[in-house]
Amino acid sequence: MPVKKVEFVEVEKEISAKRSFRDVLAPETGKAYVIVITRDGCPACHRHKPRFTKLADTLTKKFGDAVVFVKVHVKKPANSDVESQRSKNLFGHYFYPTDLVLLRTKDRGAIEFFRAVSARMNELSRNVENAVATAVALAKEES
């Protein structure tokens, strides 16, 4: 399956004062990392999931391991927004689902290439393709 699911608390545990969420989610150069942040009980996330999965299938076939798709899932138990608030503080987002495209550079570490709330798949696809081309070019320059 081309979309790796990670629970928010797992990402949160890996982050330290010296490592940002970008560094955790985009560990290697030469790849574009496509991240979607979702939450329990989110109707927009439910509608977004099949389109995101289809895009992941298509672009993984096209780019192979130069593109990595990750779903960061935030839990929302009844009457508690605690984890959601921590997610918003950590990732700097407000709405669900939020799509991010990250890539790693040699001199700046992991950077954010694109961010949108519930992006249209053609817009996300175009940005992923640009990010893959950029990531591969940067990796060639660095070697």
C-alpha atoms as a PDB file:
ATOM      1  CA  MET A   1       0.000   0.000   0.000  1.00  0.00           C
ATOM      2  CA  PRO A   2       1.551   3.307  -1.027  1.00  0.00           C
ATOM      3  CA  VAL A   3       0.205   5.376   1.913  1.00  0.00           C
ATOM      4  CA  LYS A   4       1.931   4.744   5.217  1.00  0.00           C
ATOM      5  CA  LYS A   5      -0.279   5.511   8.223  1.00  0.00           C
ATOM      6  CA  VAL A   6       1.372   7.004  11.304  1.00  0.00           C
ATOM      7  CA  GLU A   7      -0.346   8.057  14.500  1.00  0.00           C
ATOM      8  CA  PHE A   8       0.284  11.655  15.535  1.00  0.00           C
ATOM      9  CA  VAL A   9       1.599  10.612  18.963  1.00  0.00           C
ATOM     10  CA  GLU A  10       4.347   8.564  17.242  1.00  0.00           C
ATOM     11  CA  VAL A  11       5.542  11.626  15.310  1.00  0.00           C
ATOM     12  CA  GLU A  12       5.264  13.746  18.433  1.00  0.00           C
ATOM     13  CA  LYS A  13       7.536  11.341  20.365  1.00  0.00           C
ATOM     14  CA  GLU A  14      10.263  11.520  17.698  1.00  0.00           C
ATOM     15  CA  ILE A  15      10.452  15.298  17.727  1.00  0.00           C
ATOM     16  CA  SER A  16      12.954  16.969  20.006  1.00  0.00           C
ATOM     17  CA  ALA A  17      14.334  20.454  20.449  1.00  0.00           C
ATOM     18  CA  LYS A  18      16.849  19.674  17.702  1.00  0.00           C
ATOM     19  CA  ARG A  19      14.490  17.928  15.243  1.00  0.00           C
ATOM     20  CA  SER A  20      11.433  19.515  13.662  1.00  0.00           C
ATOM     21  CA  PHE A  21       8.424  17.609  12.375  1.00  0.00           C
ATOM     22  CA  ARG A  22       9.787  18.251   8.871  1.00  0.00           C
ATOM     23  CA  ASP A  23      13.037  16.481   9.766  1.00  0.00           C
ATOM     24  CA  VAL A  24      11.110  13.521  11.183  1.00  0.00           C
ATOM     25  CA  LEU A  25       8.725  13.200   8.222  1.00  0.00           C
ATOM     26  CA  ALA A  26      11.287  13.906   5.461  1.00  0.00           C
ATOM     27  CA  PRO A  27      14.431  12.029   6.510  1.00  0.00           C
ATOM     28  CA  GLU A  28      16.163  11.465   3.129  1.00  0.00           C
ATOM     29  CA  THR A  29      17.294  13.638   0.250  1.00  0.00           C
ATOM     30  CA  GLY A  30      16.185  12.789  -3.286  1.00  0.00           C
ATOM     31  CA  LYS A  31      12.549  12.179  -2.333  1.00  0.00           C
ATOM     32  CA  ALA A  32       9.331  14.159  -2.080  1.00  0.00           C
ATOM     33  CA  TYR A  33       7.265  13.399   1.019  1.00  0.00           C
ATOM     34  CA  VAL A  34       3.522  13.889   0.652  1.00  0.00           C
ATOM     35  CA  ILE A  35       1.869  14.182   4.051  1.00  0.00           C
ATOM     36  CA  VAL A  36      -1.816  14.421   4.879  1.00  0.00           C
ATOM     37  CA  ILE A  37      -2.875  15.284   8.428  1.00  0.00           C
ATOM     38  CA  THR A  38      -6.284  13.797   9.281  1.00  0.00           C
ATOM     39  CA  ARG A  39      -8.458  13.458  12.377  1.00  0.00           C
ATOM     40  CA  ASP A  40     -11.120  11.113  13.714  1.00  0.00           C
ATOM     41  CA  GLY A  41     -14.660  12.224  12.927  1.00  0.00           C
ATOM     42  CA  CYS A  42     -13.614  14.617  10.162  1.00  0.00           C
ATOM     43  CA  PRO A  43     -16.072  14.448   7.217  1.00  0.00           C
ATOM     44  CA  ALA A  44     -13.667  16.255   4.877  1.00  0.00           C
ATOM     45  CA  CYS A  45     -10.932  13.742   5.782  1.00  0.00           C
ATOM     46  CA  HIS A  46     -13.296  10.893   4.950  1.00  0.00           C
ATOM     47  CA  ARG A  47     -13.995  12.398   1.486  1.00  0.00           C
ATOM     48  CA  HIS A  48     -10.303  13.177   0.936  1.00  0.00           C
ATOM     49  CA  LYS A  49      -9.005   9.675   1.714  1.00  0.00           C
ATOM     50  CA  PRO A  50      -9.992   7.812  -1.499  1.00  0.00           C
ATOM     51  CA  ARG A  51      -8.716  10.626  -3.719  1.00  0.00           C
ATOM     52  CA  PHE A  52      -5.436  10.809  -1.796  1.00  0.00           C
ATOM     53  CA  THR A  53      -5.030   7.022  -1.978  1.00  0.00           C
ATOM     54  CA  LYS A  54      -5.689   7.035  -5.732  1.00  0.00           C
ATOM     55  CA  LEU A  55      -3.137   9.825  -6.209  1.00  0.00           C
ATOM     56  CA  ALA A  56      -0.622   7.872  -4.134  1.00  0.00           C
ATOM     57  CA  ASP A  57      -1.149   4.787  -6.324  1.00  0.00           C
ATOM     58  CA  THR A  58      -0.715   6.795  -9.524  1.00  0.00           C
ATOM     59  CA  LEU A  59       2.348   8.786  -8.462  1.00  0.00           C
ATOM     60  CA  THR A  60       4.064   5.845  -6.778  1.00  0.00           C
ATOM     61  CA  LYS A  61       3.793   3.929 -10.061  1.00  0.00           C
ATOM     62  CA  LYS A  62       5.184   6.943 -11.924  1.00  0.00           C
ATOM     63  CA  PHE A  63       8.024   7.930  -9.550  1.00  0.00           C
ATOM     64  CA  GLY A  64       8.730   4.789  -7.544  1.00  0.00           C
ATOM     65  CA  ASP A  65      10.601   5.416  -4.304  1.00  0.00           C
ATOM     66  CA  ALA A  66      11.246   9.081  -5.193  1.00  0.00           C
ATOM     67  CA  VAL A  67       7.854   9.856  -3.643  1.00  0.00           C
ATOM     68  CA  VAL A  68       6.625   8.814  -0.204  1.00  0.00           C
ATOM     69  CA  PHE A  69       3.011   9.180   0.948  1.00  0.00           C
ATOM     70  CA  VAL A  70       2.244   9.401   4.676  1.00  0.00           C
ATOM     71  CA  LYS A  71      -1.034   9.877   6.535  1.00  0.00           C
ATOM     72  CA  VAL A  72      -0.563  11.362   9.999  1.00  0.00           C
ATOM     73  CA  HIS A  73      -3.686  10.517  11.951  1.00  0.00           C
ATOM     74  CA  VAL A  74      -4.855  12.540  14.943  1.00  0.00           C
ATOM     75  CA  LYS A  75      -7.208  10.832  17.396  1.00  0.00           C
ATOM     76  CA  LYS A  76     -10.179  12.679  18.848  1.00  0.00           C
ATOM     77  CA  PRO A  77     -11.798  10.823  21.711  1.00  0.00           C
ATOM     78  CA  ALA A  78     -15.271  11.988  22.728  1.00  0.00           C
ATOM     79  CA  ASN A  79     -15.264  15.457  24.276  1.00  0.00           C
ATOM     80  CA  SER A  80     -11.498  15.927  23.957  1.00  0.00           C
ATOM     81  CA  ASP A  81      -9.590  18.146  21.555  1.00  0.00           C
ATOM     82  CA  VAL A  82      -6.283  17.761  23.427  1.00  0.00           C
ATOM     83  CA  GLU A  83      -4.449  15.725  20.772  1.00  0.00           C
ATOM     84  CA  SER A  84      -5.894  17.874  17.999  1.00  0.00           C
ATOM     85  CA  GLN A  85      -4.649  21.029  19.726  1.00  0.00           C
ATOM     86  CA  ARG A  86      -1.168  19.536  20.129  1.00  0.00           C
ATOM     87  CA  SER A  87      -1.184  18.609  16.436  1.00  0.00           C
ATOM     88  CA  LYS A  88      -2.176  22.128  15.439  1.00  0.00           C
ATOM     89  CA  ASN A  89       0.594  23.575  17.614  1.00  0.00           C
ATOM     90  CA  LEU A  90       3.201  21.176  16.274  1.00  0.00           C
ATOM     91  CA  PHE A  91       2.356  21.265  12.552  1.00  0.00           C
ATOM     92  CA  GLY A  92       1.072  24.843  12.467  1.00  0.00           C
ATOM     93  CA  HIS A  93      -2.192  23.896  10.766  1.00  0.00           C
ATOM     94  CA  TYR A  94      -5.763  24.772  11.603  1.00  0.00           C
ATOM     95  CA  PHE A  95      -8.057  22.639   9.433  1.00  0.00           C
ATOM     96  CA  TYR A  96      -8.287  18.951   8.550  1.00  0.00           C
ATOM     97  CA  PRO A  97      -7.222  17.500   6.212  1.00  0.00           C
ATOM     98  CA  THR A  98      -4.047  19.461   5.620  1.00  0.00           C
ATOM     99  CA  ASP A  99      -1.758  18.349   2.796  1.00  0.00           C
ATOM    100  CA  LEU A 100       1.979  19.018   2.934  1.00  0.00           C
ATOM    101  CA  VAL A 101       4.754  18.296   0.471  1.00  0.00           C
ATOM    102  CA  LEU A 102       8.203  18.189   2.052  1.00  0.00           C
ATOM    103  CA  LEU A 103      11.690  17.570   0.744  1.00  0.00           C
ATOM    104  CA  ARG A 104      15.129  17.491   2.320  1.00  0.00           C
ATOM    105  CA  THR A 105      17.976  19.751   1.298  1.00  0.00           C
ATOM    106  CA  LYS A 106      21.611  19.414   2.244  1.00  0.00           C
ATOM    107  CA  ASP A 107      22.059  22.920   3.623  1.00  0.00           C
ATOM    108  CA  ARG A 108      18.589  23.732   5.029  1.00  0.00           C
ATOM    109  CA  GLY A 109      17.369  20.327   6.192  1.00  0.00           C
ATOM    110  CA  ALA A 110      13.785  19.395   5.452  1.00  0.00           C
ATOM    111  CA  ILE A 111      11.703  22.174   3.913  1.00  0.00           C
ATOM    112  CA  GLU A 112       8.047  22.672   3.173  1.00  0.00           C
ATOM    113  CA  PHE A 113       7.471  22.792  -0.587  1.00  0.00           C
ATOM    114  CA  PHE A 114       3.654  23.034  -0.533  1.00  0.00           C
ATOM    115  CA  ARG A 115       0.792  23.278   1.986  1.00  0.00           C
ATOM    116  CA  ALA A 116      -2.974  23.351   1.457  1.00  0.00           C
ATOM    117  CA  VAL A 117      -6.188  22.466   3.217  1.00  0.00           C
ATOM    118  CA  SER A 118      -7.987  19.623   1.440  1.00  0.00           C
ATOM    119  CA  ALA A 119      -6.087  20.293  -1.772  1.00  0.00           C
ATOM    120  CA  ARG A 120      -7.583  19.478  -5.138  1.00  0.00           C
ATOM    121  CA  MET A 121      -5.839  16.390  -6.415  1.00  0.00           C
ATOM    122  CA  ASN A 122      -4.706  18.018  -9.676  1.00  0.00           C
ATOM    123  CA  GLU A 123      -3.084  20.841  -7.681  1.00  0.00           C
ATOM    124  CA  LEU A 124      -1.481  18.397  -5.246  1.00  0.00           C
ATOM    125  CA  SER A 125      -0.298  16.183  -8.118  1.00  0.00           C
ATOM    126  CA  ARG A 126       1.317  19.129  -9.923  1.00  0.00           C
ATOM    127  CA  ASN A 127       3.131  20.193  -6.760  1.00  0.00           C
ATOM    128  CA  VAL A 128       4.271  16.646  -5.996  1.00  0.00           C
ATOM    129  CA  GLU A 129       5.663  16.284  -9.521  1.00  0.00           C
ATOM    130  CA  ASN A 130       7.551  19.578  -9.130  1.00  0.00           C
ATOM    131  CA  ALA A 131       8.813  18.526  -5.706  1.00  0.00           C
ATOM    132  CA  VAL A 132      10.054  15.163  -7.018  1.00  0.00           C
ATOM    133  CA  ALA A 133      11.925  16.909  -9.852  1.00  0.00           C
ATOM    134  CA  THR A 134      13.422  19.369  -7.364  1.00  0.00           C
ATOM    135  CA  ALA A 135      14.354  16.664  -4.837  1.00  0.00           C
ATOM    136  CA  VAL A 136      16.031  14.497  -7.492  1.00  0.00           C
ATOM    137  CA  ALA A 137      17.925  17.514  -8.903  1.00  0.00           C
ATOM    138  CA  LEU A 138      19.097  18.545  -5.421  1.00  0.00           C
ATOM    139  CA  ALA A 139      20.277  15.010  -4.671  1.00  0.00           C
ATOM    140  CA  LYS A 140      22.307  14.948  -7.921  1.00  0.00           C
ATOM    141  CA  GLU A 141      23.917  18.292  -7.066  1.00  0.00           C
ATOM    142  CA  GLU A 142      24.860  17.045  -3.624  1.00  0.00           C
ATOM    143  CA  SER A 143      26.526  13.841  -4.837  1.00  0.00           C
END
